[in-house]
C-alpha atoms as a PDB file:
ATOM      1  CA  MET A   1      17.108  59.412  14.540  1.00  0.00           C
ATOM      2  CA  LYS A   2      19.426  57.648  16.098  1.00  0.00           C
ATOM      3  CA  PRO A   3      17.748  56.416  18.860  1.00  0.00           C
ATOM      4  CA  LYS A   4      19.332  57.557  22.251  1.00  0.00           C
ATOM      5  CA  GLU A   5      19.068  54.364  24.638  1.00  0.00           C
ATOM      6  CA  PRO A   6      19.189  50.561  23.748  1.00  0.00           C
ATOM      7  CA  VAL A   7      16.065  50.130  25.479  1.00  0.00           C
ATOM      8  CA  ASP A   8      15.067  51.843  21.721  1.00  0.00           C
ATOM      9  CA  LEU A   9      16.474  49.263  19.156  1.00  0.00           C
ATOM     10  CA  TYR A  10      13.978  46.410  17.824  1.00  0.00           C
ATOM     11  CA  ILE A  11      16.020  43.272  17.209  1.00  0.00           C
ATOM     12  CA  VAL A  12      14.630  41.817  13.589  1.00  0.00           C
ATOM     13  CA  SER A  13      14.954  38.191  13.127  1.00  0.00           C
ATOM     14  CA  SER A  14      13.618  35.539  10.867  1.00  0.00           C
ATOM     15  CA  SER A  15      11.344  32.813  12.467  1.00  0.00           C
ATOM     16  CA  PRO A  16      10.212  30.972  14.693  1.00  0.00           C
ATOM     17  CA  HIS A  17      10.338  33.953  17.674  1.00  0.00           C
ATOM     18  CA  THR A  18       9.331  32.023  19.974  1.00  0.00           C
ATOM     19  CA  HIS A  19      10.617  28.268  21.223  1.00  0.00           C
ATOM     20  CA  SER A  20       7.952  25.579  22.666  1.00  0.00           C
ATOM     21  CA  GLY A  21      11.012  24.164  24.363  1.00  0.00           C
ATOM     22  CA  ALA A  22      10.428  20.805  22.755  1.00  0.00           C
ATOM     23  CA  SER A  23      14.075  19.167  21.058  1.00  0.00           C
ATOM     24  CA  VAL A  24      14.485  16.031  18.991  1.00  0.00           C
ATOM     25  CA  GLU A  25      15.432  14.276  22.366  1.00  0.00           C
ATOM     26  CA  ARG A  26      12.699  15.160  24.199  1.00  0.00           C
ATOM     27  CA  ILE A  27      10.341  13.852  21.344  1.00  0.00           C
ATOM     28  CA  MET A  28      11.792  10.860  20.953  1.00  0.00           C
ATOM     29  CA  TRP A  29      12.057  10.238  24.410  1.00  0.00           C
ATOM     30  CA  ASP A  30       8.576  10.620  24.668  1.00  0.00           C
ATOM     31  CA  VAL A  31       8.298   8.119  22.009  1.00  0.00           C
ATOM     32  CA  VAL A  32      10.092   5.388  23.614  1.00  0.00           C
ATOM     33  CA  VAL A  33       7.836   5.659  26.736  1.00  0.00           C
ATOM     34  CA  ALA A  34       5.157   5.671  24.738  1.00  0.00           C
ATOM     35  CA  LEU A  35       5.817   2.355  23.449  1.00  0.00           C
ATOM     36  CA  MET A  36       6.819   0.445  26.786  1.00  0.00           C
ATOM     37  CA  PRO A  37       3.281  -1.254  27.315  1.00  0.00           C
ATOM     38  CA  ALA A  38       3.593  -2.563  23.483  1.00  0.00           C
ATOM     39  CA  LEU A  39       6.546  -3.666  24.942  1.00  0.00           C
ATOM     40  CA  LEU A  40       5.714  -5.387  28.114  1.00  0.00           C
ATOM     41  CA  ALA A  41       2.381  -6.629  26.520  1.00  0.00           C
ATOM     42  CA  ALA A  42       4.673  -8.166  23.707  1.00  0.00           C
ATOM     43  CA  VAL A  43       6.601  -9.664  25.919  1.00  0.00           C
ATOM     44  CA  TRP A  44       3.788 -11.383  27.846  1.00  0.00           C
ATOM     45  CA  PHE A  45       2.577 -13.064  25.081  1.00  0.00           C
ATOM     46  CA  PHE A  46       5.992 -13.825  22.664  1.00  0.00           C
ATOM     47  CA  ARG A  47       8.464 -14.340  25.521  1.00  0.00           C
ATOM     48  CA  LEU A  48      11.912 -14.238  24.973  1.00  0.00           C
ATOM     49  CA  ASP A  49      11.515 -14.039  21.076  1.00  0.00           C
ATOM     50  CA  ALA A  50      10.168 -10.574  21.893  1.00  0.00           C
ATOM     51  CA  LEU A  51      13.538  -9.622  23.333  1.00  0.00           C
ATOM     52  CA  ARG A  52      15.428 -10.844  20.864  1.00  0.00           C
ATOM     53  CA  LEU A  53      13.616  -9.386  18.109  1.00  0.00           C
ATOM     54  CA  VAL A  54      13.574  -5.841  20.115  1.00  0.00           C
ATOM     55  CA  GLY A  55      17.146  -6.106  21.134  1.00  0.00           C
ATOM     56  CA  VAL A  56      18.741  -6.992  17.996  1.00  0.00           C
ATOM     57  CA  CYS A  57      16.898  -4.471  15.706  1.00  0.00           C
ATOM     58  CA  VAL A  58      17.678  -1.569  18.244  1.00  0.00           C
ATOM     59  CA  ALA A  59      21.855  -2.315  18.719  1.00  0.00           C
ATOM     60  CA  ALA A  60      21.516  -2.883  15.172  1.00  0.00           C
ATOM     61  CA  CYS A  61      20.358   0.410  14.421  1.00  0.00           C
ATOM     62  CA  LEU A  62      22.480   2.312  16.791  1.00  0.00           C
ATOM     63  CA  LEU A  63      25.406   0.619  15.352  1.00  0.00           C
ATOM     64  CA  THR A  64      24.245   1.536  12.070  1.00  0.00           C
ATOM     65  CA  GLU A  65      24.092   5.062  12.774  1.00  0.00           C
ATOM     66  CA  TRP A  66      26.817   5.350  14.075  1.00  0.00           C
ATOM     67  CA  ALA A  67      29.184   3.553  11.017  1.00  0.00           C
ATOM     68  CA  CYS A  68      27.078   5.725   9.026  1.00  0.00           C
ATOM     69  CA  ARG A  69      27.539   9.239  10.498  1.00  0.00           C
ATOM     70  CA  LYS A  70      31.133   8.116  10.833  1.00  0.00           C
ATOM     71  CA  MET A  71      31.677   7.313   7.070  1.00  0.00           C
ATOM     72  CA  MET A  72      30.207  10.744   6.418  1.00  0.00           C
ATOM     73  CA  ARG A  73      32.573  12.417   8.685  1.00  0.00           C
ATOM     74  CA  ARG A  74      29.390  14.041  10.490  1.00  0.00           C
ATOM     75  CA  PRO A  75      28.586  14.824  14.451  1.00  0.00           C
ATOM     76  CA  SER A  76      27.418  11.334  15.995  1.00  0.00           C
ATOM     77  CA  SER A  77      23.688  11.318  16.349  1.00  0.00           C
ATOM     78  CA  LEU A  78      23.108   8.554  18.845  1.00  0.00           C
ATOM     79  CA  SER A  79      22.353  10.928  21.636  1.00  0.00           C
ATOM     80  CA  ASP A  80      18.760  12.003  19.859  1.00  0.00           C
ATOM     81  CA  TRP A  81      17.352   8.621  20.446  1.00  0.00           C
ATOM     82  CA  SER A  82      16.050   8.572  17.164  1.00  0.00           C
ATOM     83  CA  ALA A  83      17.365   5.353  16.066  1.00  0.00           C
ATOM     84  CA  VAL A  84      16.662   3.465  18.867  1.00  0.00           C
ATOM     85  CA  VAL A  85      12.990   4.515  17.799  1.00  0.00           C
ATOM     86  CA  THR A  86      13.278   3.249  14.581  1.00  0.00           C
ATOM     87  CA  GLY A  87      14.861   0.172  15.901  1.00  0.00           C
ATOM     88  CA  LEU A  88      11.545  -0.116  18.391  1.00  0.00           C
ATOM     89  CA  LEU A  89       8.970   0.347  15.435  1.00  0.00           C
ATOM     90  CA  LEU A  90      10.942  -2.058  13.440  1.00  0.00           C
ATOM     91  CA  ALA A  91      10.792  -5.424  15.578  1.00  0.00           C
ATOM     92  CA  PHE A  92       7.174  -4.411  16.513  1.00  0.00           C
ATOM     93  CA  ASN A  93       6.212  -5.373  13.000  1.00  0.00           C
ATOM     94  CA  LEU A  94       8.212  -8.174  12.750  1.00  0.00           C
ATOM     95  CA  PRO A  95       6.232 -11.752  13.689  1.00  0.00           C
ATOM     96  CA  PRO A  96       7.925 -13.322  16.851  1.00  0.00           C
ATOM     97  CA  SER A  97       9.991 -16.360  15.057  1.00  0.00           C
ATOM     98  CA  LEU A  98      11.852 -14.145  12.616  1.00  0.00           C
ATOM     99  CA  PRO A  99      15.415 -14.827  12.110  1.00  0.00           C
ATOM    100  CA  THR A 100      17.789 -12.433  13.871  1.00  0.00           C
ATOM    101  CA  TRP A 101      19.699 -11.844  10.708  1.00  0.00           C
ATOM    102  CA  MET A 102      17.002 -11.147   8.989  1.00  0.00           C
ATOM    103  CA  ALA A 103      16.410  -8.902  11.221  1.00  0.00           C
ATOM    104  CA  VAL A 104      19.639  -7.168  11.405  1.00  0.00           C
ATOM    105  CA  ALA A 105      19.389  -6.681   7.741  1.00  0.00           C
ATOM    106  CA  GLY A 106      16.326  -4.649   7.884  1.00  0.00           C
ATOM    107  CA  SER A 107      17.637  -2.868  10.234  1.00  0.00           C
ATOM    108  CA  VAL A 108      20.599  -1.670   8.395  1.00  0.00           C
ATOM    109  CA  PHE A 109      18.306  -0.691   5.699  1.00  0.00           C
ATOM    110  CA  ALA A 110      16.026   1.303   7.651  1.00  0.00           C
ATOM    111  CA  ILE A 111      18.667   3.224   8.809  1.00  0.00           C
ATOM    112  CA  ALA A 112      21.173   3.201   6.191  1.00  0.00           C
ATOM    113  CA  ILE A 113      18.868   3.248   3.003  1.00  0.00           C
ATOM    114  CA  ALA A 114      15.915   4.586   4.256  1.00  0.00           C
ATOM    115  CA  LYS A 115      17.644   7.505   6.940  1.00  0.00           C
ATOM    116  CA  GLN A 116      21.188   8.250   5.897  1.00  0.00           C
ATOM    117  CA  VAL A 117      20.866   7.792   1.913  1.00  0.00           C
ATOM    118  CA  PHE A 118      18.533  11.321   2.459  1.00  0.00           C
ATOM    119  CA  GLY A 119      20.661  13.231   5.024  1.00  0.00           C
ATOM    120  CA  GLY A 120      19.335  11.890   8.589  1.00  0.00           C
ATOM    121  CA  LEU A 121      16.649  12.938  10.310  1.00  0.00           C
ATOM    122  CA  GLY A 122      14.347  15.240   8.939  1.00  0.00           C
ATOM    123  CA  TYR A 123      15.391  14.654   5.093  1.00  0.00           C
ATOM    124  CA  ASN A 124      13.754  11.062   4.999  1.00  0.00           C
ATOM    125  CA  PRO A 125      10.927  11.200   2.844  1.00  0.00           C
ATOM    126  CA  PHE A 126       9.388   7.717   4.125  1.00  0.00           C
ATOM    127  CA  ASN A 127       9.338   6.159   7.356  1.00  0.00           C
ATOM    128  CA  PRO A 128      12.432   4.424   8.252  1.00  0.00           C
ATOM    129  CA  ALA A 129      11.009   1.236  10.191  1.00  0.00           C
ATOM    130  CA  LEU A 130       8.668   1.210   7.278  1.00  0.00           C
ATOM    131  CA  ALA A 131      10.496   1.023   4.647  1.00  0.00           C
ATOM    132  CA  GLY A 132      12.489  -1.789   6.582  1.00  0.00           C
ATOM    133  CA  ARG A 133       9.452  -3.671   6.619  1.00  0.00           C
ATOM    134  CA  ALA A 134       8.689  -3.237   3.478  1.00  0.00           C
ATOM    135  CA  PHE A 135      12.080  -4.476   1.933  1.00  0.00           C
ATOM    136  CA  MET A 136      12.006  -7.445   4.607  1.00  0.00           C
ATOM    137  CA  LEU A 137       8.969  -7.825   3.232  1.00  0.00           C
ATOM    138  CA  ILE A 138       9.530  -8.435  -0.335  1.00  0.00           C
ATOM    139  CA  SER A 139      12.914  -9.939  -0.059  1.00  0.00           C
ATOM    140  CA  PHE A 140      12.220 -12.354   2.905  1.00  0.00           C
ATOM    141  CA  THR A 141       8.159 -12.912   2.257  1.00  0.00           C
ATOM    142  CA  GLY A 142       7.881 -16.587   3.556  1.00  0.00           C
ATOM    143  CA  ALA A 143       9.335 -15.410   7.091  1.00  0.00           C
ATOM    144  CA  MET A 144       7.956 -12.450   7.086  1.00  0.00           C
ATOM    145  CA  THR A 145       3.961 -14.372   6.921  1.00  0.00           C
ATOM    146  CA  THR A 146       4.953 -16.751   9.273  1.00  0.00           C
ATOM    147  CA  TRP A 147       3.096 -17.037  12.630  1.00  0.00           C
ATOM    148  CA  SER A 148       3.837 -18.781  15.901  1.00  0.00           C
ATOM    149  CA  ALA A 149       1.250 -21.288  16.813  1.00  0.00           C
ATOM    150  CA  SER A 150      -2.010 -19.758  18.808  1.00  0.00           C
ATOM    151  CA  GLN A 151      -5.489 -21.145  20.180  1.00  0.00           C
ATOM    152  CA  TRP A 152      -6.790 -17.350  19.381  1.00  0.00           C
ATOM    153  CA  PHE A 153      -9.089 -19.221  15.929  1.00  0.00           C
ATOM    154  CA  TRP A 154     -11.048 -21.466  17.770  1.00  0.00           C
ATOM    155  CA  THR A 155     -13.110 -18.688  19.820  1.00  0.00           C
ATOM    156  CA  PHE A 156     -14.947 -17.684  16.934  1.00  0.00           C
ATOM    157  CA  GLU A 157     -17.926 -19.503  16.115  1.00  0.00           C
ATOM    158  CA  SER A 158     -17.395 -21.459  13.197  1.00  0.00           C
ATOM    159  CA  PRO A 159     -19.986 -23.448  11.446  1.00  0.00           C
ATOM    160  CA  TYR A 160     -17.737 -26.039   9.234  1.00  0.00           C
ATOM    161  CA  ILE A 161     -14.934 -26.968  12.357  1.00  0.00           C
ATOM    162  CA  ASP A 162     -17.277 -28.690  15.572  1.00  0.00           C
ATOM    163  CA  GLY A 163     -16.281 -29.609  18.882  1.00  0.00           C
ATOM    164  CA  ALA A 164     -14.277 -33.290  17.428  1.00  0.00           C
ATOM    165  CA  THR A 165     -13.044 -31.829  14.860  1.00  0.00           C
ATOM    166  CA  ALA A 166     -10.899 -28.718  16.530  1.00  0.00           C
ATOM    167  CA  ALA A 167      -9.792 -31.626  19.690  1.00  0.00           C
ATOM    168  CA  THR A 168      -8.262 -33.441  17.070  1.00  0.00           C
ATOM    169  CA  MET A 169      -6.360 -30.102  14.743  1.00  0.00           C
ATOM    170  CA  GLU A 170      -3.315 -28.697  15.489  1.00  0.00           C
ATOM    171  CA  ALA A 171      -3.135 -24.979  16.169  1.00  0.00           C
ATOM    172  CA  ILE A 172      -3.351 -22.470  13.475  1.00  0.00           C
ATOM    173  CA  THR A 173       0.061 -21.499  12.824  1.00  0.00           C
ATOM    174  CA  SER A 174      -0.193 -19.758   9.440  1.00  0.00           C
ATOM    175  CA  ALA A 175      -3.154 -17.383  10.563  1.00  0.00           C
ATOM    176  CA  THR A 176      -4.225 -14.177  11.414  1.00  0.00           C
ATOM    177  CA  PRO A 177      -7.307 -12.563  11.851  1.00  0.00           C
ATOM    178  CA  LEU A 178      -6.545 -10.789   8.775  1.00  0.00           C
ATOM    179  CA  GLY A 179      -5.322 -13.383   6.789  1.00  0.00           C
ATOM    180  CA  LEU A 180      -8.249 -15.297   7.805  1.00  0.00           C
ATOM    181  CA  LEU A 181     -10.234 -12.784   6.042  1.00  0.00           C
ATOM    182  CA  LYS A 182      -7.904 -12.563   2.460  1.00  0.00           C
ATOM    183  CA  GLY A 183      -8.391 -16.637   2.762  1.00  0.00           C
ATOM    184  CA  THR A 184     -11.918 -16.619   2.740  1.00  0.00           C
ATOM    185  CA  LEU A 185     -12.340 -13.906   0.460  1.00  0.00           C
ATOM    186  CA  LYS A 186     -10.382 -15.580  -2.374  1.00  0.00           C
ATOM    187  CA  THR A 187     -12.484 -19.187  -1.308  1.00  0.00           C
ATOM    188  CA  GLY A 188     -15.778 -17.195  -1.374  1.00  0.00           C
ATOM    189  CA  LEU A 189     -16.496 -19.146   1.983  1.00  0.00           C
ATOM    190  CA  HIS A 190     -18.748 -17.812   5.047  1.00  0.00           C
ATOM    191  CA  LEU A 191     -16.825 -16.069   7.901  1.00  0.00           C
ATOM    192  CA  PRO A 192     -16.199 -17.510  10.952  1.00  0.00           C
ATOM    193  CA  SER A 193     -18.889 -15.634  13.468  1.00  0.00           C
ATOM    194  CA  PHE A 194     -16.966 -12.431  15.384  1.00  0.00           C
ATOM    195  CA  GLY A 195     -18.424 -12.763  18.601  1.00  0.00           C
ATOM    196  CA  TRP A 196     -17.053 -10.516  21.606  1.00  0.00           C
ATOM    197  CA  SER A 197     -14.876 -13.476  22.669  1.00  0.00           C
ATOM    198  CA  PRO A 198     -12.540 -12.691  19.664  1.00  0.00           C
ATOM    199  CA  LEU A 199     -13.227  -9.193  20.281  1.00  0.00           C
ATOM    200  CA  ALA A 200     -12.162  -9.154  23.566  1.00  0.00           C
ATOM    201  CA  HIS A 201      -8.483 -11.068  22.180  1.00  0.00           C
ATOM    202  CA  PHE A 202      -8.312  -8.832  19.438  1.00  0.00           C
ATOM    203  CA  PHE A 203      -8.439  -5.925  21.621  1.00  0.00           C
ATOM    204  CA  LEU A 204      -6.104  -7.313  24.988  1.00  0.00           C
ATOM    205  CA  GLY A 205      -3.571  -8.757  21.872  1.00  0.00           C
ATOM    206  CA  ASN A 206      -3.971 -13.016  22.930  1.00  0.00           C
ATOM    207  CA  VAL A 207      -3.968 -13.272  18.980  1.00  0.00           C
ATOM    208  CA  ASN A 208      -1.159 -14.014  15.753  1.00  0.00           C
ATOM    209  CA  GLY A 209       0.828 -10.968  14.627  1.00  0.00           C
ATOM    210  CA  CYS A 210       3.711  -8.285  14.549  1.00  0.00           C
ATOM    211  CA  ILE A 211       4.642  -8.468  18.302  1.00  0.00           C
ATOM    212  CA  GLY A 212       4.097  -4.833  18.352  1.00  0.00           C
ATOM    213  CA  GLU A 213       1.066  -5.288  17.113  1.00  0.00           C
ATOM    214  CA  THR A 214      -1.452  -7.269  19.269  1.00  0.00           C
ATOM    215  CA  SER A 215      -2.382  -5.376  22.334  1.00  0.00           C
ATOM    216  CA  ALA A 216      -4.977  -2.320  21.171  1.00  0.00           C
ATOM    217  CA  LEU A 217      -5.172  -1.652  24.389  1.00  0.00           C
ATOM    218  CA  ALA A 218      -1.482  -1.037  24.929  1.00  0.00           C
ATOM    219  CA  LEU A 219      -1.834   0.399  21.956  1.00  0.00           C
ATOM    220  CA  LEU A 220      -4.006   3.353  23.066  1.00  0.00           C
ATOM    221  CA  LEU A 221      -2.030   3.794  26.432  1.00  0.00           C
ATOM    222  CA  GLY A 222       0.791   4.651  24.708  1.00  0.00           C
ATOM    223  CA  ALA A 223      -0.748   6.851  22.333  1.00  0.00           C
ATOM    224  CA  ALA A 224      -2.847   8.634  25.216  1.00  0.00           C
ATOM    225  CA  TYR A 225       0.354   9.707  27.063  1.00  0.00           C
ATOM    226  CA  LEU A 226       1.585  11.143  23.551  1.00  0.00           C
ATOM    227  CA  LEU A 227      -1.290  12.982  23.069  1.00  0.00           C
ATOM    228  CA  TYR A 228      -1.083  14.053  26.957  1.00  0.00           C
ATOM    229  CA  ARG A 229       2.499  15.235  25.893  1.00  0.00           C
ATOM    230  CA  LYS A 230       1.170  16.646  23.023  1.00  0.00           C
ATOM    231  CA  VAL A 231       3.738  15.118  21.136  1.00  0.00           C
ATOM    232  CA  ILE A 232       1.192  14.146  18.171  1.00  0.00           C
ATOM    233  CA  THR A 233      -2.264  15.658  17.838  1.00  0.00           C
ATOM    234  CA  TRP A 234      -5.199  13.971  16.954  1.00  0.00           C
ATOM    235  CA  HIS A 235      -5.897  14.325  12.847  1.00  0.00           C
ATOM    236  CA  ILE A 236      -4.147  11.734  11.334  1.00  0.00           C
ATOM    237  CA  PRO A 237      -5.512   9.115  14.229  1.00  0.00           C
ATOM    238  CA  ALA A 238      -9.000   9.965  13.909  1.00  0.00           C
ATOM    239  CA  ALA A 239      -8.912  10.509   9.816  1.00  0.00           C
ATOM    240  CA  TYR A 240      -7.223   6.820   9.925  1.00  0.00           C
ATOM    241  CA  LEU A 241      -9.688   5.188  12.049  1.00  0.00           C
ATOM    242  CA  LEU A 242     -12.473   6.381  11.059  1.00  0.00           C
ATOM    243  CA  THR A 243     -11.723   5.810   7.636  1.00  0.00           C
ATOM    244  CA  VAL A 244     -11.225   2.239   7.958  1.00  0.00           C
ATOM    245  CA  PHE A 245     -14.220   2.197  10.319  1.00  0.00           C
ATOM    246  CA  GLY A 246     -16.640   3.850   7.820  1.00  0.00           C
ATOM    247  CA  TYR A 247     -14.995   1.722   4.810  1.00  0.00           C
ATOM    248  CA  ALA A 248     -15.359  -1.635   7.010  1.00  0.00           C
ATOM    249  CA  LEU A 249     -19.064  -0.558   8.203  1.00  0.00           C
ATOM    250  CA  VAL A 250     -20.174   0.066   4.101  1.00  0.00           C
ATOM    251  CA  LEU A 251     -18.990  -3.034   3.630  1.00  0.00           C
ATOM    252  CA  GLN A 252     -20.438  -4.549   6.300  1.00  0.00           C
ATOM    253  CA  TRP A 253     -23.955  -3.429   5.321  1.00  0.00           C
ATOM    254  CA  ALA A 254     -23.300  -3.878   1.582  1.00  0.00           C
ATOM    255  CA  SER A 255     -22.053  -7.742   1.567  1.00  0.00           C
ATOM    256  CA  PRO A 256     -24.416 -10.638   1.779  1.00  0.00           C
ATOM    257  CA  GLU A 257     -23.989 -12.440   5.168  1.00  0.00           C
ATOM    258  CA  GLY A 258     -21.140 -13.906   6.576  1.00  0.00           C
ATOM    259  CA  GLN A 259     -18.673 -12.354   3.735  1.00  0.00           C
ATOM    260  CA  ALA A 260     -17.523  -9.437   5.558  1.00  0.00           C
ATOM    261  CA  ILE A 261     -16.169  -8.810   9.133  1.00  0.00           C
ATOM    262  CA  PRO A 262     -17.291  -6.282  11.300  1.00  0.00           C
ATOM    263  CA  ALA A 263     -16.048  -2.954  11.250  1.00  0.00           C
ATOM    264  CA  LEU A 264     -14.721  -2.848  14.756  1.00  0.00           C
ATOM    265  CA  ALA A 265     -12.748  -5.711  14.070  1.00  0.00           C
ATOM    266  CA  HIS A 266     -10.766  -4.417  11.261  1.00  0.00           C
ATOM    267  CA  VAL A 267     -10.199  -1.494  13.443  1.00  0.00           C
ATOM    268  CA  LEU A 268      -8.851  -3.723  16.567  1.00  0.00           C
ATOM    269  CA  THR A 269      -6.501  -6.305  13.659  1.00  0.00           C
ATOM    270  CA  GLY A 270      -3.448  -6.362  12.360  1.00  0.00           C
ATOM    271  CA  GLY A 271      -1.140  -3.066  12.554  1.00  0.00           C
ATOM    272  CA  LEU A 272      -4.099  -0.300  12.555  1.00  0.00           C
ATOM    273  CA  PHE A 273      -3.359   1.087  15.932  1.00  0.00           C
ATOM    274  CA  LEU A 274       0.486   0.952  15.797  1.00  0.00           C
ATOM    275  CA  GLY A 275       0.629   2.880  12.222  1.00  0.00           C
ATOM    276  CA  ALA A 276      -2.323   5.406  13.056  1.00  0.00           C
ATOM    277  CA  PHE A 277      -0.677   6.507  16.415  1.00  0.00           C
ATOM    278  CA  PHE A 278       3.225   5.836  16.248  1.00  0.00           C
ATOM    279  CA  MET A 279       4.160   5.899  12.510  1.00  0.00           C
ATOM    280  CA  ALA A 280       1.565   7.795  10.462  1.00  0.00           C
ATOM    281  CA  THR A 281       2.376  10.971  12.679  1.00  0.00           C
ATOM    282  CA  ASP A 282       6.196  10.895  12.604  1.00  0.00           C
ATOM    283  CA  MET A 283       6.726  14.534  12.246  1.00  0.00           C
ATOM    284  CA  VAL A 284       9.594  13.799   9.253  1.00  0.00           C
ATOM    285  CA  THR A 285       7.361  12.088   6.968  1.00  0.00           C
ATOM    286  CA  SER A 286       3.730  13.640   7.544  1.00  0.00           C
ATOM    287  CA  PRO A 287       2.280  16.831   6.617  1.00  0.00           C
ATOM    288  CA  VAL A 288       2.480  20.116   8.585  1.00  0.00           C
ATOM    289  CA  THR A 289      -1.203  21.393   8.267  1.00  0.00           C
ATOM    290  CA  LYS A 290      -3.660  20.239   9.985  1.00  0.00           C
ATOM    291  CA  ARG A 291      -5.880  20.367   6.900  1.00  0.00           C
ATOM    292  CA  GLY A 292      -2.886  18.377   5.097  1.00  0.00           C
ATOM    293  CA  MET A 293      -3.273  16.036   8.292  1.00  0.00           C
ATOM    294  CA  LEU A 294      -6.634  14.994   7.847  1.00  0.00           C
ATOM    295  CA  ILE A 295      -5.965  14.867   4.497  1.00  0.00           C
ATOM    296  CA  PHE A 296      -3.127  12.419   4.676  1.00  0.00           C
ATOM    297  CA  GLY A 297      -4.498  10.301   7.894  1.00  0.00           C
ATOM    298  CA  ALA A 298      -8.137   9.596   5.342  1.00  0.00           C
ATOM    299  CA  GLY A 299      -5.634   8.607   2.260  1.00  0.00           C
ATOM    300  CA  CYS A 300      -3.816   6.169   4.565  1.00  0.00           C
ATOM    301  CA  GLY A 301      -7.401   4.258   5.517  1.00  0.00           C
ATOM    302  CA  ILE A 302      -8.525   4.195   2.144  1.00  0.00           C
ATOM    303  CA  ILE A 303      -5.798   2.464   0.731  1.00  0.00           C
ATOM    304  CA  THR A 304      -5.449   0.162   3.852  1.00  0.00           C
ATOM    305  CA  MET A 305      -8.464  -1.045   3.116  1.00  0.00           C
ATOM    306  CA  LEU A 306      -8.461  -1.701  -0.604  1.00  0.00           C
ATOM    307  CA  ILE A 307      -5.681  -3.531   0.221  1.00  0.00           C
ATOM    308  CA  ARG A 308      -7.266  -6.188   3.019  1.00  0.00           C
ATOM    309  CA  THR A 309     -10.897  -6.494   1.098  1.00  0.00           C
ATOM    310  CA  SER A 310      -8.847  -7.287  -2.235  1.00  0.00           C
ATOM    311  CA  LYS A 311      -9.572 -10.282  -3.814  1.00  0.00           C
ATOM    312  CA  THR A 312      -6.823 -10.657  -5.891  1.00  0.00           C
ATOM    313  CA  GLY A 313      -4.292  -9.446  -3.766  1.00  0.00           C
ATOM    314  CA  ALA A 314      -1.746 -12.024  -1.552  1.00  0.00           C
ATOM    315  CA  TYR A 315      -1.055  -9.481   1.231  1.00  0.00           C
ATOM    316  CA  PRO A 316      -3.955  -9.491   3.875  1.00  0.00           C
ATOM    317  CA  GLU A 317      -2.792  -6.072   5.605  1.00  0.00           C
ATOM    318  CA  GLY A 318      -2.002  -2.610   4.009  1.00  0.00           C
ATOM    319  CA  VAL A 319      -1.109  -0.819   6.854  1.00  0.00           C
ATOM    320  CA  SER A 320       2.921  -0.203   6.254  1.00  0.00           C
ATOM    321  CA  PHE A 321       2.260   0.364   2.290  1.00  0.00           C
ATOM    322  CA  ALA A 322      -0.743   2.708   2.870  1.00  0.00           C
ATOM    323  CA  ILE A 323       1.830   5.103   4.890  1.00  0.00           C
ATOM    324  CA  LEU A 324       4.389   4.650   2.592  1.00  0.00           C
ATOM    325  CA  ILE A 325       2.125   5.834  -0.462  1.00  0.00           C
ATOM    326  CA  MET A 326       0.957   8.586   1.370  1.00  0.00           C
ATOM    327  CA  ASN A 327       4.664   9.363   2.732  1.00  0.00           C
ATOM    328  CA  ALA A 328       5.225   9.981  -1.088  1.00  0.00           C
ATOM    329  CA  ILE A 329       2.745  12.484  -1.917  1.00  0.00           C
ATOM    330  CA  THR A 330       2.935  14.419   1.286  1.00  0.00           C
ATOM    331  CA  PRO A 331       4.945  17.105   0.185  1.00  0.00           C
ATOM    332  CA  LEU A 332       1.846  18.002  -2.580  1.00  0.00           C
ATOM    333  CA  ILE A 333      -0.673  17.754   0.012  1.00  0.00           C
ATOM    334  CA  ASN A 334       1.762  20.696   1.976  1.00  0.00           C
ATOM    335  CA  ARG A 335       1.511  22.612  -1.087  1.00  0.00           C
ATOM    336  CA  PHE A 336      -2.038  22.279  -1.778  1.00  0.00           C
ATOM    337  CA  THR A 337      -3.569  23.154   1.849  1.00  0.00           C
ATOM    338  CA  ARG A 338      -0.665  25.221   2.926  1.00  0.00           C
ATOM    339  CA  SER A 339      -1.756  28.055   4.540  1.00  0.00           C
ATOM    340  CA  ARG A 340      -2.322  32.250   2.392  1.00  0.00           C
ATOM    341  CA  VAL A 341       0.276  34.372   3.189  1.00  0.00           C
ATOM    342  CA  PHE A 342      -1.280  37.297   5.169  1.00  0.00           C
ATOM    343  CA  GLY A 343      -2.140  40.555   2.276  1.00  0.00           C
ATOM    344  CA  ALA A 344      -1.335  37.959  -0.875  1.00  0.00           C
ATOM    345  CA  LYS A 345      -3.210  36.706  -3.268  1.00  0.00           C
ATOM    346  CA  LYS A 346      -3.800  33.449  -4.012  1.00  0.00           C
END
């Protein structure tokens, strides 16, 4: 029967039928705001080098994005803030003394190769910032593993360095906490004691490392903001951090005394917090289901610890490669964990 009034008509359309009100611009802006505490910590600990790298990476990413869209004859995407986020995250993954031209090269690779070649935002299979960092680690290995001077090493209770010896030695310029772990694993020596003093340095950020990863406190503040704004969920970070902690705890119990660092030190060092909250949670390259997110986070944690604790490996940190590897199998995770359509058989 033909409806008599317009109100009797039902308009049917494809899903989604409601809108959350979120947009790419709003989400990316929230990420930028969440990264501000880590940026302030980076400037505090690394001074002008932090500002130099952040400025160069953001500018190079914006320019590369504009040029790529221009050459592809597509509308400009600078207003969505995704290039700014990529520049910030890439800069946060760089050592403070890295030459400027290398930062530019990494930024160009992150945008042009890891993002725009695949079609731009939403089509890239790998996190662009991490892809740029992996490219730089392979291309500029020496520069990417050279760290500025820091006195963090002397906060350990080491049986091999007494006060008189320490007074005559210069600051360690090429060691990070994870680098120290990798070195002792290879030599078979006992690790220095990880007391509360070095753990406090790890939490606040007064250690060698990439400019945006050292301060766990600053990263936690940013993560709390993202969770409050519902930009991310707890599933990936919780699965990632708990897996690393549990893996490290088992090693601590099973290893002879002095051969494994405390589980809490593993959590607080390296780029774990930066990766778990800001890069593993990338909406484009991570699973869409809750169960898939838990699998993704656990996989990242296992691969991270396998790389960190391998005696034959040369790389002391595993966060970047762990997330990139899990990015590659995200489509399989989505397929495995997808929900069954109501009324359909398995």
